[in-house]
Amino acid sequence: MRNIRFVVIAILIVITAFLYECKDAGAISPEESEAFSFAFMTDIHLNFGTNGCFDGFEKAINSAEQKGVDFIITGGDNCDIDVLGNDGQTAHDLYKRFASITGASNVPVYPSVGNHDRFYAVQASDPLYNEGLFEEYMGTKSYYSFEHKGWHFIILNTSNSFVDDVQKKWLQKDLAGISPGVPVVLIVHVPFISAYYPALYGYYTNKDTTKGFKQIWNMFKGYNLKLVLQGHMHIYEEIKVLNTPFVTGGAVSADWWSGPYFGTQEGYLKVNIDESNNVSWEYIDYGWSVK
């Protein structure tokens, strides 16, 4: 009898450990979820012109904070440094200013890199070349992931309009570390899917979209991909394909700080998650006026 009791206890211990491990792996049920919201601010385009862009960016952050978001994700094109040529000092100054503004935010800011964030004032062998300057001032790789209240957020570097093999291997490993049931949000700068050119100019093209995106999208099969957030186009658009919503988040700068861009005001996305892990979003005009 004593041996039987020992065996029963041992089995219970194993079952308990297994259940704990499953819970740790990230399986989430609605009753365990917690509602929250975050802001997606893309295409900020800070520069040293006379357009008031720094005030505009701070106004957008203040707006999001007042709406009670838990954090902010930038969608790339934070600073216009790719056009500076050999003027490395201005590029450094712009990123110092960007880092200062985001560092002063009352909520965490998770940055993404865009095509205009690429730094070319050094040799290609320099660690600061291309996305290196972004990584230096942001203190993070140009692709990474983070967790928030049971949700998994993945930020990829599509600044060159593709996802390289190094990122693909990293993404595969990152996804292998989460449970298939965990809700996932994917963030890219150059869109996976966009109706920009056919809608605005009447023709189809793969220009300004991420090449080979289908291979990346396929990597999410079997996972709970709830939303893809995109930038680059400066318009607000929603495209839902095979139950995956792709949302292009307008632009904090709209028409590069000179007014609305094809009707899209200066703004950002406020993304809302409810207790049942349902996701919704709204485009927020934060009230900036052209200087």
Protein backbone atom coordinates (compact mmCIF):
# COMPACT_ATOMS: atom_id res chain seq x y z
CA MET A 1 0.00 0.00 0.00
CA ARG A 2 2.81 2.31 0.87
CA ASN A 3 4.47 1.70 -2.50
CA ILE A 4 1.20 2.36 -4.32
CA ARG A 5 0.78 5.67 -2.47
CA PHE A 6 4.34 6.64 -3.42
CA VAL A 7 3.66 5.86 -7.09
CA VAL A 8 0.43 7.93 -7.04
CA ILE A 9 2.23 10.89 -5.47
CA ALA A 10 5.02 10.64 -8.03
CA ILE A 11 2.50 10.61 -10.89
CA LEU A 12 0.74 13.68 -9.47
CA ILE A 13 4.04 15.51 -9.22
CA VAL A 14 4.84 14.73 -12.86
CA ILE A 15 1.37 15.85 -14.02
CA THR A 16 1.62 19.08 -12.01
CA ALA A 17 5.05 19.84 -13.44
CA PHE A 18 3.80 19.16 -16.96
CA LEU A 19 0.81 21.47 -16.56
CA TYR A 20 3.03 24.20 -15.12
CA GLU A 21 5.42 23.87 -18.04
CA CYS A 22 2.54 24.14 -20.52
CA LYS A 23 1.30 27.28 -18.79
CA ASP A 24 4.83 28.68 -18.82
CA ALA A 25 5.09 27.97 -22.53
CA GLY A 26 2.57 30.72 -23.12
CA ALA A 27 -0.80 29.05 -23.71
CA ILE A 28 -3.31 31.76 -22.90
CA SER A 29 -7.00 31.44 -22.15
CA PRO A 30 -9.35 34.44 -22.27
CA GLU A 31 -9.89 34.40 -18.52
CA GLU A 32 -6.12 34.80 -18.01
CA SER A 33 -5.89 37.74 -20.43
CA GLU A 34 -5.72 41.39 -19.54
CA ALA A 35 -6.99 44.24 -21.69
CA PHE A 36 -4.47 46.83 -22.86
CA SER A 37 -3.70 49.20 -25.70
CA PHE A 38 -0.62 50.46 -27.48
CA ALA A 39 0.27 53.07 -30.10
CA PHE A 40 1.86 52.37 -33.47
CA MET A 41 3.65 55.52 -34.69
CA THR A 42 5.28 55.19 -38.07
CA ASP A 43 7.08 57.49 -40.52
CA ILE A 44 8.02 60.27 -38.13
CA HIS A 45 10.75 61.72 -40.37
CA LEU A 46 12.56 63.95 -37.91
CA ASN A 47 14.81 66.51 -39.60
CA PHE A 48 16.40 69.87 -38.89
CA GLY A 49 14.10 71.84 -41.15
CA THR A 50 11.74 74.57 -39.97
CA ASN A 51 8.62 72.37 -40.04
CA GLY A 52 8.22 71.82 -36.28
CA CYS A 53 8.67 68.05 -36.55
CA PHE A 54 10.10 67.64 -33.04
CA ASP A 55 7.11 69.42 -31.51
CA GLY A 56 4.81 67.28 -33.65
CA PHE A 57 6.40 64.03 -32.51
CA GLU A 58 6.21 65.07 -28.86
CA LYS A 59 2.56 66.02 -29.37
CA ALA A 60 1.83 62.56 -30.78
CA ILE A 61 3.50 60.89 -27.79
CA ASN A 62 1.56 63.09 -25.37
CA SER A 63 -1.66 62.19 -27.16
CA ALA A 64 -0.96 58.46 -26.86
CA GLU A 65 -0.02 58.79 -23.19
CA GLN A 66 -3.26 60.64 -22.46
CA LYS A 67 -5.19 57.82 -24.11
CA GLY A 68 -3.65 55.41 -21.64
CA VAL A 69 -1.53 53.23 -23.90
CA ASP A 70 0.85 50.79 -22.25
CA PHE A 71 3.63 51.42 -24.76
CA ILE A 72 4.51 52.84 -28.16
CA ILE A 73 6.00 51.05 -31.19
CA THR A 74 7.58 53.14 -33.93
CA GLY A 75 7.23 51.79 -37.45
CA GLY A 76 10.49 53.07 -38.93
CA ASP A 77 11.65 56.17 -40.79
CA ASN A 78 12.28 57.79 -37.44
CA CYS A 79 14.94 60.20 -38.77
CA ASP A 80 15.81 61.34 -42.30
CA ILE A 81 19.48 60.39 -42.35
CA ASP A 82 19.85 58.37 -45.56
CA VAL A 83 19.68 61.61 -47.57
CA LEU A 84 22.53 63.28 -45.67
CA GLY A 85 25.38 61.74 -47.64
CA ASN A 86 28.65 62.29 -45.77
CA ASP A 87 27.09 64.57 -43.15
CA GLY A 88 27.51 62.12 -40.32
CA GLN A 89 27.31 64.77 -37.59
CA THR A 90 23.75 65.75 -38.51
CA ALA A 91 22.75 62.08 -38.58
CA HIS A 92 24.14 61.60 -35.06
CA ASP A 93 22.44 64.78 -33.87
CA LEU A 94 19.08 63.67 -35.24
CA TYR A 95 19.27 60.30 -33.54
CA LYS A 96 20.38 61.90 -30.29
CA ARG A 97 17.26 64.07 -30.48
CA PHE A 98 15.06 61.08 -31.31
CA ALA A 99 16.55 59.07 -28.43
CA SER A 100 16.04 62.02 -26.08
CA ILE A 101 12.36 62.39 -27.00
CA THR A 102 11.56 58.69 -26.77
CA GLY A 103 13.59 58.37 -23.57
CA ALA A 104 11.50 61.10 -21.96
CA SER A 105 8.24 59.28 -22.72
CA ASN A 106 6.20 58.11 -19.75
CA VAL A 107 5.64 54.74 -21.46
CA PRO A 108 8.16 52.38 -23.08
CA VAL A 109 8.98 53.01 -26.74
CA TYR A 110 9.95 50.06 -28.97
CA PRO A 111 11.57 51.34 -32.19
CA SER A 112 11.65 49.86 -35.69
CA VAL A 113 14.11 50.76 -38.43
CA GLY A 114 13.05 52.14 -41.80
CA ASN A 115 14.75 52.86 -45.12
CA HIS A 116 15.36 56.52 -44.18
CA ASP A 117 17.08 55.43 -40.96
CA ARG A 118 19.99 53.91 -42.89
CA PHE A 119 23.40 55.55 -42.32
CA TYR A 120 25.89 55.90 -45.17
CA ALA A 121 28.40 58.48 -43.89
CA VAL A 122 30.88 55.72 -43.00
CA GLN A 123 32.49 52.80 -44.78
CA ALA A 124 30.44 49.64 -45.20
CA SER A 125 32.82 47.89 -42.79
CA ASP A 126 32.00 50.35 -39.99
CA PRO A 127 29.60 48.99 -37.30
CA LEU A 128 27.48 52.12 -37.67
CA TYR A 129 26.88 51.57 -41.38
CA ASN A 130 23.29 51.06 -42.59
CA GLU A 131 21.15 50.11 -39.55
CA GLY A 132 24.18 50.32 -37.25
CA LEU A 133 23.50 53.93 -36.21
CA PHE A 134 19.90 53.03 -35.32
CA GLU A 135 21.14 50.12 -33.20
CA GLU A 136 23.76 52.32 -31.50
CA TYR A 137 21.26 54.93 -30.29
CA MET A 138 18.32 52.61 -29.68
CA GLY A 139 20.38 50.04 -27.78
CA THR A 140 18.78 47.12 -29.61
CA LYS A 141 19.16 45.02 -32.73
CA SER A 142 17.16 46.17 -35.74
CA TYR A 143 15.03 43.03 -35.33
CA TYR A 144 13.85 41.67 -31.99
CA SER A 145 10.82 40.53 -30.03
CA PHE A 146 9.23 41.29 -26.69
CA GLU A 147 6.33 40.11 -24.54
CA HIS A 148 3.50 42.12 -23.01
CA LYS A 149 0.63 40.71 -20.97
CA GLY A 150 0.73 37.37 -22.73
CA TRP A 151 1.15 38.77 -26.25
CA HIS A 152 4.27 38.29 -28.37
CA PHE A 153 5.51 41.20 -30.50
CA ILE A 154 8.00 40.67 -33.34
CA ILE A 155 9.78 43.57 -35.03
CA LEU A 156 11.56 42.79 -38.30
CA ASN A 157 14.00 44.89 -40.32
CA THR A 158 12.54 45.37 -43.81
CA SER A 159 14.38 48.64 -44.47
CA ASN A 160 16.04 47.12 -47.54
CA SER A 161 12.69 45.73 -48.80
CA PHE A 162 13.55 42.14 -47.89
CA VAL A 163 14.19 39.94 -44.87
CA ASP A 164 17.67 38.46 -45.02
CA ASP A 165 18.66 34.89 -44.15
CA VAL A 166 20.06 35.91 -40.75
CA GLN A 167 16.68 37.32 -39.75
CA LYS A 168 14.85 34.28 -41.12
CA LYS A 169 16.91 31.96 -38.94
CA TRP A 170 16.36 34.23 -35.95
CA LEU A 171 12.60 34.38 -36.63
CA GLN A 172 12.37 30.61 -36.86
CA LYS A 173 14.10 30.27 -33.50
CA ASP A 174 11.98 33.02 -31.95
CA LEU A 175 8.71 31.38 -33.03
CA ALA A 176 9.92 27.99 -31.79
CA GLY A 177 10.16 29.50 -28.33
CA ILE A 178 6.45 30.33 -28.01
CA SER A 179 3.30 28.25 -27.81
CA PRO A 180 1.15 28.15 -30.98
CA GLY A 181 -1.71 29.64 -28.98
CA VAL A 182 0.12 32.83 -28.01
CA PRO A 183 -1.30 35.87 -29.86
CA VAL A 184 1.36 37.48 -32.07
CA VAL A 185 1.70 40.96 -33.57
CA LEU A 186 4.24 41.40 -36.39
CA ILE A 187 5.72 44.82 -37.18
CA VAL A 188 7.49 45.75 -40.43
CA HIS A 189 8.37 49.04 -42.09
CA VAL A 190 8.20 48.26 -45.81
CA PRO A 191 4.78 46.59 -46.19
CA PHE A 192 4.09 42.96 -46.94
CA ILE A 193 0.87 43.87 -48.76
CA SER A 194 -0.38 47.26 -49.92
CA ALA A 195 -2.94 48.67 -52.36
CA TYR A 196 -1.07 51.99 -52.53
CA TYR A 197 -0.11 52.00 -56.22
CA PRO A 198 -3.28 50.49 -57.72
CA ALA A 199 -5.48 52.68 -55.52
CA LEU A 200 -3.61 55.96 -56.06
CA TYR A 201 -2.02 55.54 -59.49
CA GLY A 202 -3.96 52.76 -61.19
CA TYR A 203 -1.27 50.12 -61.70
CA TYR A 204 0.10 47.10 -59.85
CA THR A 205 3.75 46.79 -58.85
CA ASN A 206 5.88 45.14 -56.20
CA LYS A 207 7.71 48.42 -55.68
CA ASP A 208 7.80 49.54 -52.04
CA THR A 209 6.74 46.14 -50.70
CA THR A 210 8.84 43.47 -49.01
CA LYS A 211 10.17 41.00 -51.55
CA GLY A 212 9.54 37.35 -50.72
CA PHE A 213 7.08 38.22 -47.97
CA LYS A 214 5.09 35.02 -48.58
CA GLN A 215 7.99 32.94 -47.27
CA ILE A 216 7.99 34.99 -44.08
CA TRP A 217 4.20 34.83 -43.75
CA ASN A 218 4.31 31.05 -44.20
CA MET A 219 6.57 30.80 -41.17
CA PHE A 220 3.59 31.87 -39.06
CA LYS A 221 1.42 28.94 -40.13
CA GLY A 222 0.29 27.13 -37.00
CA TYR A 223 0.81 30.25 -34.90
CA ASN A 224 -1.75 32.77 -33.71
CA LEU A 225 -0.81 35.76 -35.89
CA LYS A 226 -3.40 38.38 -34.95
CA LEU A 227 -2.12 41.49 -36.74
CA VAL A 228 0.58 42.76 -39.12
CA LEU A 229 1.46 46.45 -38.70
CA GLN A 230 3.17 48.24 -41.60
CA GLY A 231 4.60 51.66 -42.42
CA HIS A 232 6.38 53.38 -45.32
CA MET A 233 3.37 54.37 -47.42
CA HIS A 234 2.09 57.30 -45.30
CA ILE A 235 -1.51 56.27 -45.94
CA TYR A 236 -3.92 54.43 -43.67
CA GLU A 237 -5.14 51.17 -45.17
CA GLU A 238 -6.59 47.87 -43.98
CA ILE A 239 -6.27 44.65 -45.97
CA LYS A 240 -7.47 41.32 -44.58
CA VAL A 241 -6.20 38.19 -46.36
CA LEU A 242 -6.84 34.62 -45.16
CA ASN A 243 -7.94 35.99 -41.78
CA THR A 244 -4.74 37.99 -41.31
CA PRO A 245 -5.24 41.78 -41.10
CA PHE A 246 -2.47 43.90 -42.61
CA VAL A 247 -2.78 47.51 -41.44
CA THR A 248 -0.65 50.33 -42.82
CA GLY A 249 -0.47 52.93 -40.09
CA GLY A 250 -0.52 56.28 -41.90
CA ALA A 251 2.26 58.60 -40.73
CA VAL A 252 2.99 60.80 -37.76
CA SER A 253 4.42 63.26 -40.33
CA ALA A 254 1.60 62.76 -42.92
CA ASP A 255 3.00 64.45 -46.06
CA TRP A 256 6.47 64.88 -44.52
CA TRP A 257 5.15 67.58 -42.15
CA SER A 258 3.50 69.60 -44.91
CA GLY A 259 -0.11 68.54 -44.36
CA PRO A 260 -2.37 65.52 -45.05
CA TYR A 261 -1.11 62.87 -47.47
CA PHE A 262 -3.80 61.76 -49.92
CA GLY A 263 -6.33 62.54 -47.19
CA THR A 264 -4.44 60.81 -44.36
CA GLN A 265 -3.87 63.26 -41.52
CA GLU A 266 -0.85 63.37 -39.23
CA GLY A 267 -1.63 60.48 -36.91
CA TYR A 268 -0.96 57.10 -35.41
CA LEU A 269 -2.76 53.83 -34.73
CA LYS A 270 -4.17 53.08 -31.31
CA VAL A 271 -4.44 49.31 -31.07
CA ASN A 272 -6.81 47.86 -28.48
CA ILE A 273 -6.69 44.36 -26.99
CA ASP A 274 -9.68 43.16 -24.96
CA GLU A 275 -9.93 40.49 -22.24
CA SER A 276 -10.79 37.84 -24.84
CA ASN A 277 -7.68 38.60 -26.94
CA ASN A 278 -9.71 40.34 -29.63
CA VAL A 279 -7.80 43.11 -31.39
CA SER A 280 -9.16 46.33 -32.86
CA TRP A 281 -7.61 49.62 -33.90
CA GLU A 282 -8.40 53.22 -34.72
CA TYR A 283 -6.46 55.95 -36.50
CA ILE A 284 -5.87 58.92 -34.23
CA ASP A 285 -5.43 62.44 -35.60
CA TYR A 286 -3.39 63.93 -32.75
CA GLY A 287 -4.20 67.51 -33.72
CA TRP A 288 -0.94 68.80 -35.21
CA SER A 289 -1.09 71.77 -37.58
CA VAL A 290 1.38 72.71 -40.32
CA LYS A 291 3.90 75.29 -39.12
